[in-house]
C-alpha cells in the first residue's frame, strides 16, 4: 500500500479517539480509540474501498495524486495573486496619470477664472470697440 494515511486526534465534540483518512481516496476513512487502532482499521477500510471500486469499475487515483492536485492549486493561487498584484500596480499607475491630468485641468480652470475676472475688471477681450478710441499704427 503506497497511499499516504493521515491520522489525527478527534476532539471530544467529535467523539474522541483518532481519525484515519486517505487523502488520495475520497471517502476512504476509519477511526479508532488509539492511533494504532485507527491505523489498523484504516488498512481494512482501504481493502474494502479498493474492492468496491474494482467491483464498480471505478478508476482508482494514483498514490500521491491529492498532493499533486493540492500543489497545482497552490501554484494557481500564487499565480492569481501575482496577476492581481500586477493589475493593482497597473491601476495605480493609471490613477497617478489621472491625478496628474486632473491637477493640470484644475490649474487651467483657475487660470481661466482669473482671466475672466481680469477681463471683467479691465474690459479686455470685450467685443465692444470704441469709435473714438485712438488708433495706434505700429511701423
Protein backbone atom coordinates (compact mmCIF):
# COMPACT_ATOMS: atom_id res chain seq x y z
CA UNK A 1 0.00 0.00 0.00
CA UNK A 2 1.72 3.19 -1.26
CA UNK A 3 -1.10 5.53 -0.31
CA UNK A 4 -0.42 8.06 2.45
CA UNK A 5 -2.60 7.91 5.55
CA UNK A 6 -3.32 10.92 7.75
CA UNK A 7 -4.13 10.12 11.37
CA UNK A 8 -5.33 12.91 13.62
CA UNK A 9 -6.84 13.08 17.09
CA UNK A 10 -10.54 13.82 17.34
CA UNK A 11 -11.85 16.37 19.83
CA UNK A 12 -14.34 15.38 22.49
CA UNK A 13 -17.03 17.17 20.46
CA UNK A 14 -16.12 14.92 17.51
CA UNK A 15 -16.38 11.79 19.69
CA UNK A 16 -12.75 11.44 20.78
CA UNK A 17 -10.24 8.87 19.55
CA UNK A 18 -8.42 9.14 16.23
CA UNK A 19 -9.46 9.56 12.61
CA UNK A 20 -7.53 7.99 9.73
CA UNK A 21 -8.02 9.31 6.20
CA UNK A 22 -6.51 8.60 2.80
CA UNK A 23 -6.15 11.99 1.05
CA UNK A 24 -5.96 10.30 -2.36
CA UNK A 25 -9.06 8.14 -1.87
CA UNK A 26 -12.25 10.13 -1.37
CA UNK A 27 -14.43 8.56 1.28
CA UNK A 28 -11.83 6.07 2.49
CA UNK A 29 -11.75 6.80 6.23
CA UNK A 30 -11.69 4.97 9.51
CA UNK A 31 -11.23 5.67 13.19
CA UNK A 32 -10.18 4.07 16.44
CA UNK A 33 -9.71 4.69 20.14
CA UNK A 34 -5.93 4.88 19.65
CA UNK A 35 -3.75 5.91 16.72
CA UNK A 36 -2.68 2.27 16.31
CA UNK A 37 -6.29 1.07 16.22
CA UNK A 38 -7.18 3.82 13.70
CA UNK A 39 -4.26 2.66 11.50
CA UNK A 40 -5.33 -1.00 11.69
CA UNK A 41 -8.93 -0.05 10.87
CA UNK A 42 -7.69 2.18 8.03
CA UNK A 43 -5.96 -0.80 6.42
CA UNK A 44 -9.25 -2.70 6.48
CA UNK A 45 -11.12 0.33 5.10
CA UNK A 46 -8.50 0.58 2.33
CA UNK A 47 -9.05 -3.04 1.29
CA UNK A 48 -12.84 -2.57 1.26
CA UNK A 49 -12.56 0.71 -0.65
CA UNK A 50 -10.37 -0.88 -3.32
CA UNK A 51 -12.69 -3.89 -3.64
CA UNK A 52 -15.76 -1.65 -4.01
CA UNK A 53 -14.09 0.47 -6.69
CA UNK A 54 -12.93 -2.62 -8.55
CA UNK A 55 -16.42 -4.12 -8.40
CA UNK A 56 -17.95 -0.91 -9.82
CA UNK A 57 -15.14 -0.47 -12.38
CA UNK A 58 -14.22 2.93 -10.98
CA UNK A 59 -10.84 4.42 -11.66
CA UNK A 60 -8.52 4.46 -8.64
CA UNK A 61 -6.40 7.60 -8.21
CA UNK A 62 -2.63 7.15 -8.19
CA UNK A 63 -0.80 7.38 -4.87
CA UNK A 64 0.14 10.99 -4.17
CA UNK A 65 -2.49 12.41 -6.52
CA UNK A 66 -4.07 14.52 -3.75
CA UNK A 67 -0.69 16.11 -3.00
CA UNK A 68 -0.11 16.81 -6.70
CA UNK A 69 -3.58 18.34 -7.04
CA UNK A 70 -3.03 20.49 -3.93
CA UNK A 71 0.36 21.64 -5.24
CA UNK A 72 -1.23 22.52 -8.59
CA UNK A 73 -3.97 24.51 -6.83
CA UNK A 74 -1.34 26.28 -4.72
CA UNK A 75 0.64 27.25 -7.83
CA UNK A 76 -2.55 28.51 -9.49
CA UNK A 77 -3.44 30.55 -6.39
CA UNK A 78 0.05 32.07 -6.25
CA UNK A 79 -0.15 32.95 -9.95
CA UNK A 80 -3.58 34.52 -9.45
CA UNK A 81 -2.26 36.60 -6.55
CA UNK A 82 0.75 37.75 -8.61
CA UNK A 83 -1.52 38.63 -11.55
CA UNK A 84 -3.80 40.56 -9.20
CA UNK A 85 -0.82 42.45 -7.73
CA UNK A 86 0.36 43.38 -11.24
CA UNK A 87 -3.14 44.51 -12.10
CA UNK A 88 -3.23 46.72 -9.00
CA UNK A 89 0.15 48.20 -9.96
CA UNK A 90 -1.20 48.94 -13.43
CA UNK A 91 -4.30 50.57 -11.95
CA UNK A 92 -2.10 52.53 -9.54
CA UNK A 93 -0.02 53.84 -12.46
CA UNK A 94 -3.14 54.86 -14.35
CA UNK A 95 -4.52 56.56 -11.23
CA UNK A 96 -1.31 58.60 -10.90
CA UNK A 97 -1.72 59.75 -14.52
CA UNK A 98 -5.38 60.63 -13.95
CA UNK A 99 -4.44 62.57 -10.81
CA UNK A 100 -1.79 64.49 -12.80
CA UNK A 101 -4.26 65.24 -15.59
CA UNK A 102 -6.81 66.38 -13.01
CA UNK A 103 -4.26 68.72 -11.41
CA UNK A 104 -3.50 70.20 -14.86
CA UNK A 105 -7.21 70.66 -15.52
CA UNK A 106 -7.72 72.40 -12.16
CA UNK A 107 -4.84 74.74 -12.96
CA UNK A 108 -6.36 75.57 -16.36
CA UNK A 109 -9.73 76.27 -14.72
CA UNK A 110 -8.07 78.55 -12.16
CA UNK A 111 -6.26 80.43 -14.95
CA UNK A 112 -9.48 80.73 -16.93
CA UNK A 113 -11.31 82.06 -13.86
CA UNK A 114 -8.50 84.57 -13.22
CA UNK A 115 -8.56 85.68 -16.86
CA UNK A 116 -12.33 86.11 -16.67
CA UNK A 117 -12.01 88.31 -13.57
CA UNK A 118 -9.22 90.30 -15.24
CA UNK A 119 -11.24 90.81 -18.41
CA UNK A 120 -14.29 91.92 -16.41
CA UNK A 121 -12.22 94.47 -14.49
CA UNK A 122 -10.25 95.83 -17.44
CA UNK A 123 -12.68 95.26 -20.24
CA UNK A 124 -10.02 93.28 -22.04
CA UNK A 125 -11.33 90.81 -24.51
CA UNK A 126 -14.56 92.75 -24.92
CA UNK A 127 -16.14 92.73 -28.36
CA UNK A 128 -17.15 96.37 -27.90
CA UNK A 129 -14.81 98.56 -29.91
CA UNK A 130 -14.94 102.29 -29.39
CA UNK A 131 -15.03 104.50 -32.45
CA UNK A 132 -13.49 107.39 -30.57
CA UNK A 133 -10.54 105.35 -29.36
CA UNK A 134 -7.27 106.47 -30.90
CA UNK A 135 -5.74 104.09 -33.32
CA UNK A 136 -2.17 103.07 -32.99
CA UNK A 137 -0.06 102.33 -36.01
CA UNK A 138 2.91 100.12 -35.49
CA UNK A 139 5.66 100.53 -38.04
